[in-house]
Structures are given as C-alpha cells and as structure tokens.
Amino acid sequence: MRKVDEVEFISQLIDMHTIIVLRNEQGAAELNGDDFFVSVSDQWLTIYHKNIDRKESRSHIHLRRGQYIYAEVTEDAEYTPFIAFWTKKDKSDAVGADKHCGFAIYFPPFYNWHKNRKTVIAQNQQFYQAWVTQYGRQFEIIRGPLLPRTN
C-alpha cells in the first residue's frame, strides 16, 4: 500500500477531467470538469473551480482535513473506475443501501454515451492503465503539513 499526502493526492487526481462525488445517506453531490484546484486551511481542504472572481460563487466541496485515511481504486465492469475514499479502512463508513464510499474521484470517462450509444474512449482507458501501473491501487492517506494557502 502506497502512502500519500492528502492534499498532494487529491490535487493530482483533480487535474484530470473528472467527476468528484460526495455522498451521504440523503443523496449525492457531483462536480464535473477539468478546472479544479485545492485550497487548504488548517481544518479544511476545499475543491474549487479555477478562473472565478470569488471562490464561493460556484459549486465547490469542503472536506475536513485528516478524515479520509484510506483510498482504493474501484472497478465495476462497464463503468469508469474511480478512487474511493474511506474514513475507516474496514469501510464501515459506507453510505446508502448500496454501501457507497462517502467521497470519490472518477478517472476520465471510459465511454461516450452520445445519443444513448456507448463508444469506448480508448485514450482514457490507456491513461487509467498507465496510472494504476505507476501508482498502484491502495493508498494510506496521510495528513501532511499545512502548506501556504492557495488561491
């Protein structure tokens, strides 16, 4: 299992065209795009869109620092893989009837669903395979030192 700094790891993952999902028992919120950045304070890691006048003016996600301790690549046939983040390694923090992780970052989409017709995006599947080969599938998440606040 590879040890990763929470800020560096999430920053790396959101640099790819991605979908970010935050779930609880009542529902889920999704951010979609390729224009994200991470802003960090002592207590919070916040994912914002770039190129905005005021950070709070668009959709964003606040995550309490140090809560997620384990992450893993999750694959399901016919779907785009994602990194599932957990506050407990035994996954007892799963939410909903289907027991999903509370926070996930998806890899670039494997399929184009134009007009309900699925076509493979081979470039994204190759990117995913190379990424997993380089970085692995399981991660211990470490809360690193507080870095200078980013904009």
C-alpha atoms as a PDB file:
ATOM      1  CA  MET A   1       0.000   0.000   0.000  1.00  0.00           C
ATOM      2  CA  ARG A   2       1.362   3.387  -1.018  1.00  0.00           C
ATOM      3  CA  LYS A   3       1.405   6.298   1.484  1.00  0.00           C
ATOM      4  CA  VAL A   4       0.149   9.581   0.025  1.00  0.00           C
ATOM      5  CA  ASP A   5      -0.268  13.108   1.339  1.00  0.00           C
ATOM      6  CA  GLU A   6      -3.976  14.008   1.272  1.00  0.00           C
ATOM      7  CA  VAL A   7      -3.507  17.427  -0.366  1.00  0.00           C
ATOM      8  CA  GLU A   8      -0.976  16.263  -2.970  1.00  0.00           C
ATOM      9  CA  PHE A   9      -3.012  13.147  -3.818  1.00  0.00           C
ATOM     10  CA  ILE A  10      -6.340  14.932  -4.242  1.00  0.00           C
ATOM     11  CA  SER A  11      -4.636  17.743  -6.187  1.00  0.00           C
ATOM     12  CA  GLN A  12      -3.126  15.191  -8.576  1.00  0.00           C
ATOM     13  CA  LEU A  13      -6.444  13.398  -9.086  1.00  0.00           C
ATOM     14  CA  ILE A  14      -8.480  16.521  -9.803  1.00  0.00           C
ATOM     15  CA  ASP A  15      -6.033  17.595 -12.511  1.00  0.00           C
ATOM     16  CA  MET A  16      -7.561  15.033 -14.864  1.00  0.00           C
ATOM     17  CA  HIS A  17     -11.002  15.613 -16.392  1.00  0.00           C
ATOM     18  CA  THR A  18     -13.035  14.132 -13.617  1.00  0.00           C
ATOM     19  CA  ILE A  19     -16.224  13.779 -11.662  1.00  0.00           C
ATOM     20  CA  ILE A  20     -15.993  14.326  -7.914  1.00  0.00           C
ATOM     21  CA  VAL A  21     -18.764  12.789  -5.801  1.00  0.00           C
ATOM     22  CA  LEU A  22     -19.620  13.483  -2.170  1.00  0.00           C
ATOM     23  CA  ARG A  23     -22.368  11.251  -0.687  1.00  0.00           C
ATOM     24  CA  ASN A  24     -24.372  10.926   2.491  1.00  0.00           C
ATOM     25  CA  GLU A  25     -27.464   8.939   3.459  1.00  0.00           C
ATOM     26  CA  GLN A  26     -29.764  11.545   1.880  1.00  0.00           C
ATOM     27  CA  GLY A  27     -28.137  11.875  -1.528  1.00  0.00           C
ATOM     28  CA  ALA A  28     -25.066  12.850  -3.518  1.00  0.00           C
ATOM     29  CA  ALA A  29     -23.447  15.947  -4.981  1.00  0.00           C
ATOM     30  CA  GLU A  30     -21.288  15.831  -8.115  1.00  0.00           C
ATOM     31  CA  LEU A  31     -18.761  18.281  -9.534  1.00  0.00           C
ATOM     32  CA  ASN A  32     -17.762  17.671 -13.138  1.00  0.00           C
ATOM     33  CA  GLY A  33     -14.901  19.295 -15.004  1.00  0.00           C
ATOM     34  CA  ASP A  34     -11.228  19.787 -15.647  1.00  0.00           C
ATOM     35  CA  ASP A  35     -10.806  23.157 -13.985  1.00  0.00           C
ATOM     36  CA  PHE A  36     -10.432  22.377 -10.284  1.00  0.00           C
ATOM     37  CA  PHE A  37      -7.860  23.384  -7.695  1.00  0.00           C
ATOM     38  CA  VAL A  38      -7.382  22.693  -3.990  1.00  0.00           C
ATOM     39  CA  SER A  39      -7.321  25.374  -1.313  1.00  0.00           C
ATOM     40  CA  VAL A  40      -6.111  24.323   2.131  1.00  0.00           C
ATOM     41  CA  SER A  41      -6.511  25.702   5.648  1.00  0.00           C
ATOM     42  CA  ASP A  42      -5.688  24.087   8.962  1.00  0.00           C
ATOM     43  CA  GLN A  43      -9.094  22.368   9.175  1.00  0.00           C
ATOM     44  CA  TRP A  44     -10.379  22.252   5.595  1.00  0.00           C
ATOM     45  CA  LEU A  45      -9.399  21.072   2.142  1.00  0.00           C
ATOM     46  CA  THR A  46     -11.672  22.758  -0.394  1.00  0.00           C
ATOM     47  CA  ILE A  47     -12.052  21.913  -4.074  1.00  0.00           C
ATOM     48  CA  TYR A  48     -12.957  24.963  -6.150  1.00  0.00           C
ATOM     49  CA  HIS A  49     -13.294  25.763  -9.838  1.00  0.00           C
ATOM     50  CA  LYS A  50     -10.469  27.837 -11.342  1.00  0.00           C
ATOM     51  CA  ASN A  51     -10.936  31.169 -13.120  1.00  0.00           C
ATOM     52  CA  ILE A  52     -13.619  32.657 -10.904  1.00  0.00           C
ATOM     53  CA  ASP A  53     -13.764  36.052  -9.248  1.00  0.00           C
ATOM     54  CA  ARG A  54     -14.920  34.742  -5.864  1.00  0.00           C
ATOM     55  CA  LYS A  55     -14.211  31.129  -4.875  1.00  0.00           C
ATOM     56  CA  GLU A  56     -17.560  30.738  -3.128  1.00  0.00           C
ATOM     57  CA  SER A  57     -19.512  31.910  -6.211  1.00  0.00           C
ATOM     58  CA  ARG A  58     -19.553  28.471  -7.903  1.00  0.00           C
ATOM     59  CA  SER A  59     -20.106  24.905  -6.758  1.00  0.00           C
ATOM     60  CA  HIS A  60     -17.347  23.589  -4.523  1.00  0.00           C
ATOM     61  CA  ILE A  61     -16.715  20.933  -1.881  1.00  0.00           C
ATOM     62  CA  HIS A  62     -15.324  21.394   1.634  1.00  0.00           C
ATOM     63  CA  LEU A  63     -13.637  18.318   3.153  1.00  0.00           C
ATOM     64  CA  ARG A  64     -12.472  18.212   6.763  1.00  0.00           C
ATOM     65  CA  ARG A  65      -8.723  17.535   6.729  1.00  0.00           C
ATOM     66  CA  GLY A  66      -7.457  14.249   8.121  1.00  0.00           C
ATOM     67  CA  GLN A  67     -10.800  12.437   7.941  1.00  0.00           C
ATOM     68  CA  TYR A  68     -10.048  10.149   4.998  1.00  0.00           C
ATOM     69  CA  ILE A  69      -7.384   7.595   5.910  1.00  0.00           C
ATOM     70  CA  TYR A  70      -7.670   5.006   3.132  1.00  0.00           C
ATOM     71  CA  ALA A  71      -8.385   5.074  -0.609  1.00  0.00           C
ATOM     72  CA  GLU A  72      -8.555   2.414  -3.286  1.00  0.00           C
ATOM     73  CA  VAL A  73      -9.162   2.068  -6.980  1.00  0.00           C
ATOM     74  CA  THR A  74     -12.655   0.693  -7.549  1.00  0.00           C
ATOM     75  CA  GLU A  75     -13.611  -1.034 -10.786  1.00  0.00           C
ATOM     76  CA  ASP A  76     -17.017  -2.202 -11.924  1.00  0.00           C
ATOM     77  CA  ALA A  77     -17.476  -3.807 -15.330  1.00  0.00           C
ATOM     78  CA  GLU A  78     -18.830  -1.422 -17.971  1.00  0.00           C
ATOM     79  CA  TYR A  79     -18.258   1.684 -15.795  1.00  0.00           C
ATOM     80  CA  THR A  80     -15.437   4.183 -15.408  1.00  0.00           C
ATOM     81  CA  PRO A  81     -13.198   3.329 -12.427  1.00  0.00           C
ATOM     82  CA  PHE A  82     -12.799   5.703  -9.507  1.00  0.00           C
ATOM     83  CA  ILE A  83     -10.799   6.262  -6.348  1.00  0.00           C
ATOM     84  CA  ALA A  84     -12.993   5.525  -3.317  1.00  0.00           C
ATOM     85  CA  PHE A  85     -12.021   7.409  -0.144  1.00  0.00           C
ATOM     86  CA  TRP A  86     -12.830   5.974   3.291  1.00  0.00           C
ATOM     87  CA  THR A  87     -12.695   7.302   6.842  1.00  0.00           C
ATOM     88  CA  LYS A  88     -12.325   3.702   8.067  1.00  0.00           C
ATOM     89  CA  LYS A  89     -10.221   1.026   6.402  1.00  0.00           C
ATOM     90  CA  ASP A  90     -12.909  -1.620   7.062  1.00  0.00           C
ATOM     91  CA  LYS A  91     -15.348   0.548   5.042  1.00  0.00           C
ATOM     92  CA  SER A  92     -17.886   0.595   7.871  1.00  0.00           C
ATOM     93  CA  ASP A  93     -18.481   4.251   6.961  1.00  0.00           C
ATOM     94  CA  ALA A  94     -20.219   3.233   3.698  1.00  0.00           C
ATOM     95  CA  VAL A  95     -23.419   5.144   2.979  1.00  0.00           C
ATOM     96  CA  GLY A  96     -26.778   4.283   1.454  1.00  0.00           C
ATOM     97  CA  ALA A  97     -28.429   0.990   0.670  1.00  0.00           C
ATOM     98  CA  ASP A  98     -25.725   0.183  -1.880  1.00  0.00           C
ATOM     99  CA  LYS A  99     -22.935   0.932   0.626  1.00  0.00           C
ATOM    100  CA  HIS A 100     -21.009   3.503  -1.398  1.00  0.00           C
ATOM    101  CA  CYS A 101     -17.972   5.401  -0.217  1.00  0.00           C
ATOM    102  CA  GLY A 102     -18.678   8.908   1.048  1.00  0.00           C
ATOM    103  CA  PHE A 103     -16.183  10.570  -1.305  1.00  0.00           C
ATOM    104  CA  ALA A 104     -14.962   9.521  -4.754  1.00  0.00           C
ATOM    105  CA  ILE A 105     -12.917  10.919  -7.617  1.00  0.00           C
ATOM    106  CA  TYR A 106     -13.509   9.329 -11.024  1.00  0.00           C
ATOM    107  CA  PHE A 107     -10.930   8.759 -13.713  1.00  0.00           C
ATOM    108  CA  PRO A 108     -11.570  10.345 -17.123  1.00  0.00           C
ATOM    109  CA  PRO A 109     -14.638   8.684 -18.680  1.00  0.00           C
ATOM    110  CA  PHE A 110     -14.181   5.324 -20.386  1.00  0.00           C
ATOM    111  CA  TYR A 111     -17.243   5.748 -22.589  1.00  0.00           C
ATOM    112  CA  ASN A 112     -19.020   8.371 -24.641  1.00  0.00           C
ATOM    113  CA  TRP A 113     -22.790   7.989 -24.299  1.00  0.00           C
ATOM    114  CA  HIS A 114     -23.815  10.265 -27.184  1.00  0.00           C
ATOM    115  CA  LYS A 115     -27.475   9.637 -28.070  1.00  0.00           C
ATOM    116  CA  ASN A 116     -27.538   6.620 -25.716  1.00  0.00           C
ATOM    117  CA  ARG A 117     -24.919   4.828 -27.810  1.00  0.00           C
ATOM    118  CA  LYS A 118     -21.847   3.744 -25.924  1.00  0.00           C
ATOM    119  CA  THR A 119     -18.498   4.140 -27.649  1.00  0.00           C
ATOM    120  CA  VAL A 120     -15.172   3.388 -25.993  1.00  0.00           C
ATOM    121  CA  ILE A 121     -12.708   6.210 -25.293  1.00  0.00           C
ATOM    122  CA  ALA A 122      -9.502   4.177 -25.702  1.00  0.00           C
ATOM    123  CA  GLN A 123      -7.198   7.072 -24.776  1.00  0.00           C
ATOM    124  CA  ASN A 124      -8.821   7.367 -21.320  1.00  0.00           C
ATOM    125  CA  GLN A 125      -8.654   3.612 -20.750  1.00  0.00           C
ATOM    126  CA  GLN A 126      -4.941   3.647 -21.636  1.00  0.00           C
ATOM    127  CA  PHE A 127      -4.367   6.619 -19.299  1.00  0.00           C
ATOM    128  CA  TYR A 128      -6.066   4.687 -16.479  1.00  0.00           C
ATOM    129  CA  GLN A 129      -3.970   1.543 -17.048  1.00  0.00           C
ATOM    130  CA  ALA A 130      -0.753   3.586 -17.045  1.00  0.00           C
ATOM    131  CA  TRP A 131      -1.817   5.453 -13.891  1.00  0.00           C
ATOM    132  CA  VAL A 132      -2.611   2.253 -11.965  1.00  0.00           C
ATOM    133  CA  THR A 133       0.674   0.685 -13.106  1.00  0.00           C
ATOM    134  CA  GLN A 134       2.606   3.717 -11.879  1.00  0.00           C
ATOM    135  CA  TYR A 135       0.773   4.498  -8.609  1.00  0.00           C
ATOM    136  CA  GLY A 136      -0.985   1.297  -7.534  1.00  0.00           C
ATOM    137  CA  ARG A 137      -4.488   0.547  -6.271  1.00  0.00           C
ATOM    138  CA  GLN A 138      -4.444   1.071  -2.500  1.00  0.00           C
ATOM    139  CA  PHE A 139      -3.395   4.161  -0.586  1.00  0.00           C
ATOM    140  CA  GLU A 140      -2.846   5.106   3.016  1.00  0.00           C
ATOM    141  CA  ILE A 141      -3.725   8.780   3.262  1.00  0.00           C
ATOM    142  CA  ILE A 142      -1.506  10.930   5.470  1.00  0.00           C
ATOM    143  CA  ARG A 143      -2.357  14.420   6.655  1.00  0.00           C
ATOM    144  CA  GLY A 144       0.722  16.354   5.624  1.00  0.00           C
ATOM    145  CA  PRO A 145       1.948  19.665   6.999  1.00  0.00           C
ATOM    146  CA  LEU A 146      -0.065  22.791   6.338  1.00  0.00           C
ATOM    147  CA  LEU A 147       1.169  24.362   3.128  1.00  0.00           C
ATOM    148  CA  PRO A 148       0.802  28.051   2.254  1.00  0.00           C
ATOM    149  CA  ARG A 149      -2.828  28.848   1.428  1.00  0.00           C
ATOM    150  CA  THR A 150      -3.549  28.630  -2.304  1.00  0.00           C
ATOM    151  CA  ASN A 151      -5.885  30.753  -4.429  1.00  0.00           C
END
